Amino acid sequence: MIHAFHQKIGDMWCAVAIEDEKIWSTAFATSEKECVQQLRENLPYNQPFTFEEKPSLLAEKILGALKSVLEGENISWDFKFETQHLPKYTQRVLDCLSRVPVGYVTTYKALAKTVGGGPRAVGQVMASNPFAPLVPCHRVIKTDFSIGGFGGAERNVRLKRALLQREDKGFEKPSKIETECGLLELFPVGYLRKD
């Protein structure tokens, strides 16, 4: 049975669904209703789950990590994600993306070049990321360094920009990281266009 927990952290609602020490889903939103809805939509259709009143120790740790990400802080990536129900391509994209550090972004095109497929395929994975923001889809932008989408709504684009601004560490030079799929290009958050 998957156990789900949610709570308000600052001005955001955060939620997590876990089973057997693995994260099935995380979600965050400005309203409790939207947060719970996102979490439910991220879970497999026929997987039983229950909402619990009191978070377990693991859930508290994950909720604390969500708070840190939303505040632009580094966190350790020692969480285990349940990905077996996801398509192999989605698993590959999310694994590669999880390595993008705070202070940097990558582009849909660069991520596609590393994992295979095209930028639109990567965008579809970002739109259905069940582990946001722990697996930081907000760190993927367009090739022209404009913000790109984030859940479609304008308020979500503003949220993406705010998250990235909090994560800006003042790095000035592009970088590359080694992933299981190959080298991934990274760019400082400061490269993000202001418009």
C-alpha atoms as a PDB file:
ATOM      1  CA  MET A   1       0.000   0.000   0.000  1.00  0.00           C
ATOM      2  CA  ILE A   2       1.302   3.454  -0.947  1.00  0.00           C
ATOM      3  CA  HIS A   3       1.134   5.986   1.885  1.00  0.00           C
ATOM      4  CA  ALA A   4       0.650   9.638   0.933  1.00  0.00           C
ATOM      5  CA  PHE A   5       1.289  12.699   3.060  1.00  0.00           C
ATOM      6  CA  HIS A   6       0.914  16.406   2.400  1.00  0.00           C
ATOM      7  CA  GLN A   7       1.512  19.608   4.315  1.00  0.00           C
ATOM      8  CA  LYS A   8       1.900  23.331   3.813  1.00  0.00           C
ATOM      9  CA  ILE A   9       5.505  24.490   3.677  1.00  0.00           C
ATOM     10  CA  GLY A  10       5.828  28.259   3.541  1.00  0.00           C
ATOM     11  CA  ASP A  11       3.416  29.435   0.860  1.00  0.00           C
ATOM     12  CA  MET A  12       3.397  26.083  -0.995  1.00  0.00           C
ATOM     13  CA  TRP A  13       1.678  22.768  -0.426  1.00  0.00           C
ATOM     14  CA  CYS A  14       3.960  19.737  -0.791  1.00  0.00           C
ATOM     15  CA  ALA A  15       3.051  16.063  -0.987  1.00  0.00           C
ATOM     16  CA  VAL A  16       4.802  12.716  -1.178  1.00  0.00           C
ATOM     17  CA  ALA A  17       3.646   9.151  -1.815  1.00  0.00           C
ATOM     18  CA  ILE A  18       5.915   6.344  -0.585  1.00  0.00           C
ATOM     19  CA  GLU A  19       5.959   2.593  -0.226  1.00  0.00           C
ATOM     20  CA  ASP A  20       8.743   0.341   1.063  1.00  0.00           C
ATOM     21  CA  GLU A  21      11.286   3.186   1.339  1.00  0.00           C
ATOM     22  CA  LYS A  22      10.713   4.253  -2.282  1.00  0.00           C
ATOM     23  CA  ILE A  23       9.148   7.456  -3.569  1.00  0.00           C
ATOM     24  CA  TRP A  24       6.267   6.861  -5.965  1.00  0.00           C
ATOM     25  CA  SER A  25       5.466  10.538  -6.421  1.00  0.00           C
ATOM     26  CA  THR A  26       5.993  14.042  -5.140  1.00  0.00           C
ATOM     27  CA  ALA A  27       4.005  17.171  -5.881  1.00  0.00           C
ATOM     28  CA  PHE A  28       3.907  20.851  -5.017  1.00  0.00           C
ATOM     29  CA  ALA A  29       1.400  23.615  -5.702  1.00  0.00           C
ATOM     30  CA  THR A  30       0.072  26.838  -4.265  1.00  0.00           C
ATOM     31  CA  SER A  31      -3.211  25.204  -3.199  1.00  0.00           C
ATOM     32  CA  GLU A  32      -3.834  22.056  -1.196  1.00  0.00           C
ATOM     33  CA  LYS A  33      -6.408  20.815  -3.707  1.00  0.00           C
ATOM     34  CA  GLU A  34      -4.062  21.215  -6.691  1.00  0.00           C
ATOM     35  CA  CYS A  35      -1.177  19.557  -4.808  1.00  0.00           C
ATOM     36  CA  VAL A  36      -3.263  16.519  -3.857  1.00  0.00           C
ATOM     37  CA  GLN A  37      -4.649  16.290  -7.395  1.00  0.00           C
ATOM     38  CA  GLN A  38      -1.118  16.329  -8.886  1.00  0.00           C
ATOM     39  CA  LEU A  39      -0.009  13.605  -6.511  1.00  0.00           C
ATOM     40  CA  ARG A  40      -2.996  11.412  -7.398  1.00  0.00           C
ATOM     41  CA  GLU A  41      -2.444  11.938 -11.140  1.00  0.00           C
ATOM     42  CA  ASN A  42       1.205  10.866 -10.774  1.00  0.00           C
ATOM     43  CA  LEU A  43       0.308   7.503  -9.229  1.00  0.00           C
ATOM     44  CA  PRO A  44      -0.440   4.486 -11.417  1.00  0.00           C
ATOM     45  CA  TYR A  45      -4.165   4.089 -12.045  1.00  0.00           C
ATOM     46  CA  ASN A  46      -4.732   0.805 -10.231  1.00  0.00           C
ATOM     47  CA  GLN A  47      -2.163   1.179  -7.425  1.00  0.00           C
ATOM     48  CA  PRO A  48      -3.882   1.319  -3.996  1.00  0.00           C
ATOM     49  CA  PHE A  49      -2.944   4.267  -1.789  1.00  0.00           C
ATOM     50  CA  THR A  50      -4.100   6.021   1.339  1.00  0.00           C
ATOM     51  CA  PHE A  51      -3.571   9.511   2.728  1.00  0.00           C
ATOM     52  CA  GLU A  52      -2.124   9.507   6.238  1.00  0.00           C
ATOM     53  CA  GLU A  53      -2.465  12.253   8.839  1.00  0.00           C
ATOM     54  CA  LYS A  54       1.003  11.945  10.373  1.00  0.00           C
ATOM     55  CA  PRO A  55       4.068  11.642   8.129  1.00  0.00           C
ATOM     56  CA  SER A  56       6.509   8.786   8.670  1.00  0.00           C
ATOM     57  CA  LEU A  57      10.179   9.597   9.314  1.00  0.00           C
ATOM     58  CA  LEU A  58      10.968   9.032   5.629  1.00  0.00           C
ATOM     59  CA  ALA A  59       8.058  11.247   4.567  1.00  0.00           C
ATOM     60  CA  GLU A  60       9.305  13.995   6.920  1.00  0.00           C
ATOM     61  CA  LYS A  61      12.770  13.724   5.375  1.00  0.00           C
ATOM     62  CA  ILE A  62      11.344  13.951   1.853  1.00  0.00           C
ATOM     63  CA  LEU A  63       9.082  16.884   2.761  1.00  0.00           C
ATOM     64  CA  GLY A  64      12.149  18.604   4.245  1.00  0.00           C
ATOM     65  CA  ALA A  65      14.035  18.005   1.001  1.00  0.00           C
ATOM     66  CA  LEU A  66      11.120  19.471  -0.982  1.00  0.00           C
ATOM     67  CA  LYS A  67      11.285  22.562   1.243  1.00  0.00           C
ATOM     68  CA  SER A  68      15.034  22.852   0.591  1.00  0.00           C
ATOM     69  CA  VAL A  69      14.580  22.569  -3.184  1.00  0.00           C
ATOM     70  CA  LEU A  70      11.838  25.218  -3.137  1.00  0.00           C
ATOM     71  CA  GLU A  71      14.207  27.495  -1.200  1.00  0.00           C
ATOM     72  CA  GLY A  72      16.991  27.000  -3.759  1.00  0.00           C
ATOM     73  CA  GLU A  73      19.233  24.899  -1.541  1.00  0.00           C
ATOM     74  CA  ASN A  74      21.323  21.836  -2.380  1.00  0.00           C
ATOM     75  CA  ILE A  75      20.068  18.494  -1.139  1.00  0.00           C
ATOM     76  CA  SER A  76      21.603  15.048  -1.155  1.00  0.00           C
ATOM     77  CA  TRP A  77      20.089  12.673  -3.688  1.00  0.00           C
ATOM     78  CA  ASP A  78      19.959   9.591  -1.497  1.00  0.00           C
ATOM     79  CA  PHE A  79      16.269   8.903  -2.140  1.00  0.00           C
ATOM     80  CA  LYS A  80      15.075   5.821  -3.979  1.00  0.00           C
ATOM     81  CA  PHE A  81      12.467   6.417  -6.664  1.00  0.00           C
ATOM     82  CA  GLU A  82       9.962   3.779  -7.804  1.00  0.00           C
ATOM     83  CA  THR A  83      10.322   3.913 -11.584  1.00  0.00           C
ATOM     84  CA  GLN A  84       9.618   0.345 -12.738  1.00  0.00           C
ATOM     85  CA  HIS A  85       6.114   1.296 -13.905  1.00  0.00           C
ATOM     86  CA  LEU A  86       7.479   4.124 -16.083  1.00  0.00           C
ATOM     87  CA  PRO A  87       8.585   3.684 -19.714  1.00  0.00           C
ATOM     88  CA  LYS A  88      12.323   3.015 -20.123  1.00  0.00           C
ATOM     89  CA  TYR A  89      12.809   6.308 -22.002  1.00  0.00           C
ATOM     90  CA  THR A  90      11.172   8.243 -19.151  1.00  0.00           C
ATOM     91  CA  GLN A  91      13.406   6.459 -16.656  1.00  0.00           C
ATOM     92  CA  ARG A  92      16.490   7.403 -18.681  1.00  0.00           C
ATOM     93  CA  VAL A  93      15.482  11.075 -18.992  1.00  0.00           C
ATOM     94  CA  LEU A  94      14.623  11.417 -15.288  1.00  0.00           C
ATOM     95  CA  ASP A  95      17.831   9.693 -14.213  1.00  0.00           C
ATOM     96  CA  CYS A  96      19.930  12.025 -16.358  1.00  0.00           C
ATOM     97  CA  LEU A  97      17.981  15.080 -15.221  1.00  0.00           C
ATOM     98  CA  SER A  98      18.406  14.187 -11.544  1.00  0.00           C
ATOM     99  CA  ARG A  99      22.116  14.960 -11.943  1.00  0.00           C
ATOM    100  CA  VAL A 100      21.647  18.631 -12.909  1.00  0.00           C
ATOM    101  CA  PRO A 101      22.967  20.522  -9.874  1.00  0.00           C
ATOM    102  CA  VAL A 102      21.596  23.630  -8.200  1.00  0.00           C
ATOM    103  CA  GLY A 103      22.873  26.741  -9.958  1.00  0.00           C
ATOM    104  CA  TYR A 104      22.728  25.220 -13.421  1.00  0.00           C
ATOM    105  CA  VAL A 105      20.138  24.519 -16.102  1.00  0.00           C
ATOM    106  CA  THR A 106      20.178  22.398 -19.212  1.00  0.00           C
ATOM    107  CA  THR A 107      18.099  22.666 -22.365  1.00  0.00           C
ATOM    108  CA  TYR A 108      15.505  20.341 -23.844  1.00  0.00           C
ATOM    109  CA  LYS A 109      17.825  19.911 -26.830  1.00  0.00           C
ATOM    110  CA  ALA A 110      20.933  19.159 -24.735  1.00  0.00           C
ATOM    111  CA  LEU A 111      19.022  16.634 -22.635  1.00  0.00           C
ATOM    112  CA  ALA A 112      17.642  14.985 -25.802  1.00  0.00           C
ATOM    113  CA  LYS A 113      21.133  14.831 -27.297  1.00  0.00           C
ATOM    114  CA  THR A 114      22.374  13.013 -24.197  1.00  0.00           C
ATOM    115  CA  VAL A 115      19.510  10.539 -23.695  1.00  0.00           C
ATOM    116  CA  GLY A 116      18.339  10.148 -27.306  1.00  0.00           C
ATOM    117  CA  GLY A 117      15.066  11.233 -28.855  1.00  0.00           C
ATOM    118  CA  GLY A 118      14.098  14.798 -29.573  1.00  0.00           C
ATOM    119  CA  PRO A 119      13.421  17.929 -27.522  1.00  0.00           C
ATOM    120  CA  ARG A 120       9.636  17.376 -27.720  1.00  0.00           C
ATOM    121  CA  ALA A 121       9.989  13.866 -26.297  1.00  0.00           C
ATOM    122  CA  VAL A 122      12.029  15.293 -23.425  1.00  0.00           C
ATOM    123  CA  GLY A 123       9.364  17.984 -22.939  1.00  0.00           C
ATOM    124  CA  GLN A 124       6.681  15.321 -22.635  1.00  0.00           C
ATOM    125  CA  VAL A 125       8.678  13.597 -19.910  1.00  0.00           C
ATOM    126  CA  MET A 126       9.106  16.934 -18.113  1.00  0.00           C
ATOM    127  CA  ALA A 127       5.340  17.527 -18.280  1.00  0.00           C
ATOM    128  CA  SER A 128       4.658  14.172 -16.621  1.00  0.00           C
ATOM    129  CA  ASN A 129       7.579  14.113 -14.143  1.00  0.00           C
ATOM    130  CA  PRO A 130       6.175  12.298 -11.089  1.00  0.00           C
ATOM    131  CA  PHE A 131       9.041  13.432  -8.860  1.00  0.00           C
ATOM    132  CA  ALA A 132       9.062  17.220  -9.259  1.00  0.00           C
ATOM    133  CA  PRO A 133      10.864  19.152  -7.888  1.00  0.00           C
ATOM    134  CA  LEU A 134      13.224  16.487  -6.444  1.00  0.00           C
ATOM    135  CA  VAL A 135      13.959  15.471 -10.024  1.00  0.00           C
ATOM    136  CA  PRO A 136      14.329  19.073 -11.169  1.00  0.00           C
ATOM    137  CA  CYS A 137      12.326  19.511 -14.388  1.00  0.00           C
ATOM    138  CA  HIS A 138      12.316  23.233 -13.577  1.00  0.00           C
ATOM    139  CA  ARG A 139      16.032  23.204 -14.528  1.00  0.00           C
ATOM    140  CA  VAL A 140      15.238  22.466 -18.185  1.00  0.00           C
ATOM    141  CA  ILE A 141      14.847  25.524 -20.439  1.00  0.00           C
ATOM    142  CA  LYS A 142      14.658  26.315 -24.149  1.00  0.00           C
ATOM    143  CA  THR A 143      17.765  26.415 -26.345  1.00  0.00           C
ATOM    144  CA  ASP A 144      17.485  30.212 -26.665  1.00  0.00           C
ATOM    145  CA  PHE A 145      17.681  30.398 -22.824  1.00  0.00           C
ATOM    146  CA  SER A 146      14.064  31.479 -22.482  1.00  0.00           C
ATOM    147  CA  ILE A 147      12.163  29.891 -19.608  1.00  0.00           C
ATOM    148  CA  GLY A 148      10.071  27.345 -21.508  1.00  0.00           C
ATOM    149  CA  GLY A 149       6.922  25.728 -20.192  1.00  0.00           C
ATOM    150  CA  PHE A 150       6.141  24.508 -16.708  1.00  0.00           C
ATOM    151  CA  GLY A 151       2.693  23.041 -16.400  1.00  0.00           C
ATOM    152  CA  GLY A 152       1.218  25.346 -19.036  1.00  0.00           C
ATOM    153  CA  ALA A 153      -0.162  28.190 -16.930  1.00  0.00           C
ATOM    154  CA  GLU A 154       1.510  31.598 -16.752  1.00  0.00           C
ATOM    155  CA  ARG A 155       1.596  31.430 -12.940  1.00  0.00           C
ATOM    156  CA  ASN A 156       3.581  28.185 -13.245  1.00  0.00           C
ATOM    157  CA  VAL A 157       6.085  29.883 -15.562  1.00  0.00           C
ATOM    158  CA  ARG A 158       6.498  32.601 -12.910  1.00  0.00           C
ATOM    159  CA  LEU A 159       7.024  29.876 -10.311  1.00  0.00           C
ATOM    160  CA  LYS A 160       9.677  28.211 -12.491  1.00  0.00           C
ATOM    161  CA  ARG A 161      11.495  31.528 -12.871  1.00  0.00           C
ATOM    162  CA  ALA A 162      11.304  32.171  -9.116  1.00  0.00           C
ATOM    163  CA  LEU A 163      12.685  28.700  -8.346  1.00  0.00           C
ATOM    164  CA  LEU A 164      15.591  29.218 -10.711  1.00  0.00           C
ATOM    165  CA  GLN A 165      16.337  32.698  -9.351  1.00  0.00           C
ATOM    166  CA  ARG A 166      16.568  31.246  -5.836  1.00  0.00           C
ATOM    167  CA  GLU A 167      18.955  28.588  -7.173  1.00  0.00           C
ATOM    168  CA  ASP A 168      21.283  31.054  -8.923  1.00  0.00           C
ATOM    169  CA  LYS A 169      24.722  30.632  -7.345  1.00  0.00           C
ATOM    170  CA  GLY A 170      26.465  33.145  -9.586  1.00  0.00           C
ATOM    171  CA  PHE A 171      28.241  30.576 -11.754  1.00  0.00           C
ATOM    172  CA  GLU A 172      29.573  32.170 -14.939  1.00  0.00           C
ATOM    173  CA  LYS A 173      30.810  29.366 -17.188  1.00  0.00           C
ATOM    174  CA  PRO A 174      28.987  26.448 -18.828  1.00  0.00           C
ATOM    175  CA  SER A 175      29.882  22.995 -17.657  1.00  0.00           C
ATOM    176  CA  LYS A 176      29.304  19.342 -18.523  1.00  0.00           C
ATOM    177  CA  ILE A 177      28.528  16.376 -16.326  1.00  0.00           C
ATOM    178  CA  GLU A 178      28.981  12.709 -17.007  1.00  0.00           C
ATOM    179  CA  THR A 179      25.784  10.664 -16.885  1.00  0.00           C
ATOM    180  CA  GLU A 180      25.096   7.023 -17.671  1.00  0.00           C
ATOM    181  CA  CYS A 181      23.856   8.205 -21.085  1.00  0.00           C
ATOM    182  CA  GLY A 182      26.849  10.441 -21.859  1.00  0.00           C
ATOM    183  CA  LEU A 183      27.910  14.047 -21.302  1.00  0.00           C
ATOM    184  CA  LEU A 184      25.181  16.562 -20.508  1.00  0.00           C
ATOM    185  CA  GLU A 185      25.699  20.270 -21.186  1.00  0.00           C
ATOM    186  CA  LEU A 186      24.933  22.623 -18.311  1.00  0.00           C
ATOM    187  CA  PHE A 187      24.569  26.388 -18.280  1.00  0.00           C
ATOM    188  CA  PRO A 188      24.599  28.788 -15.323  1.00  0.00           C
ATOM    189  CA  VAL A 189      21.154  29.923 -14.196  1.00  0.00           C
ATOM    190  CA  GLY A 190      22.349  33.457 -14.987  1.00  0.00           C
ATOM    191  CA  TYR A 191      22.151  32.590 -18.706  1.00  0.00           C
ATOM    192  CA  LEU A 192      18.355  32.553 -18.424  1.00  0.00           C
ATOM    193  CA  ARG A 193      16.778  35.313 -20.511  1.00  0.00           C
ATOM    194  CA  LYS A 194      15.046  37.982 -18.440  1.00  0.00           C
ATOM    195  CA  ASP A 195      11.962  38.407 -20.685  1.00  0.00           C
END
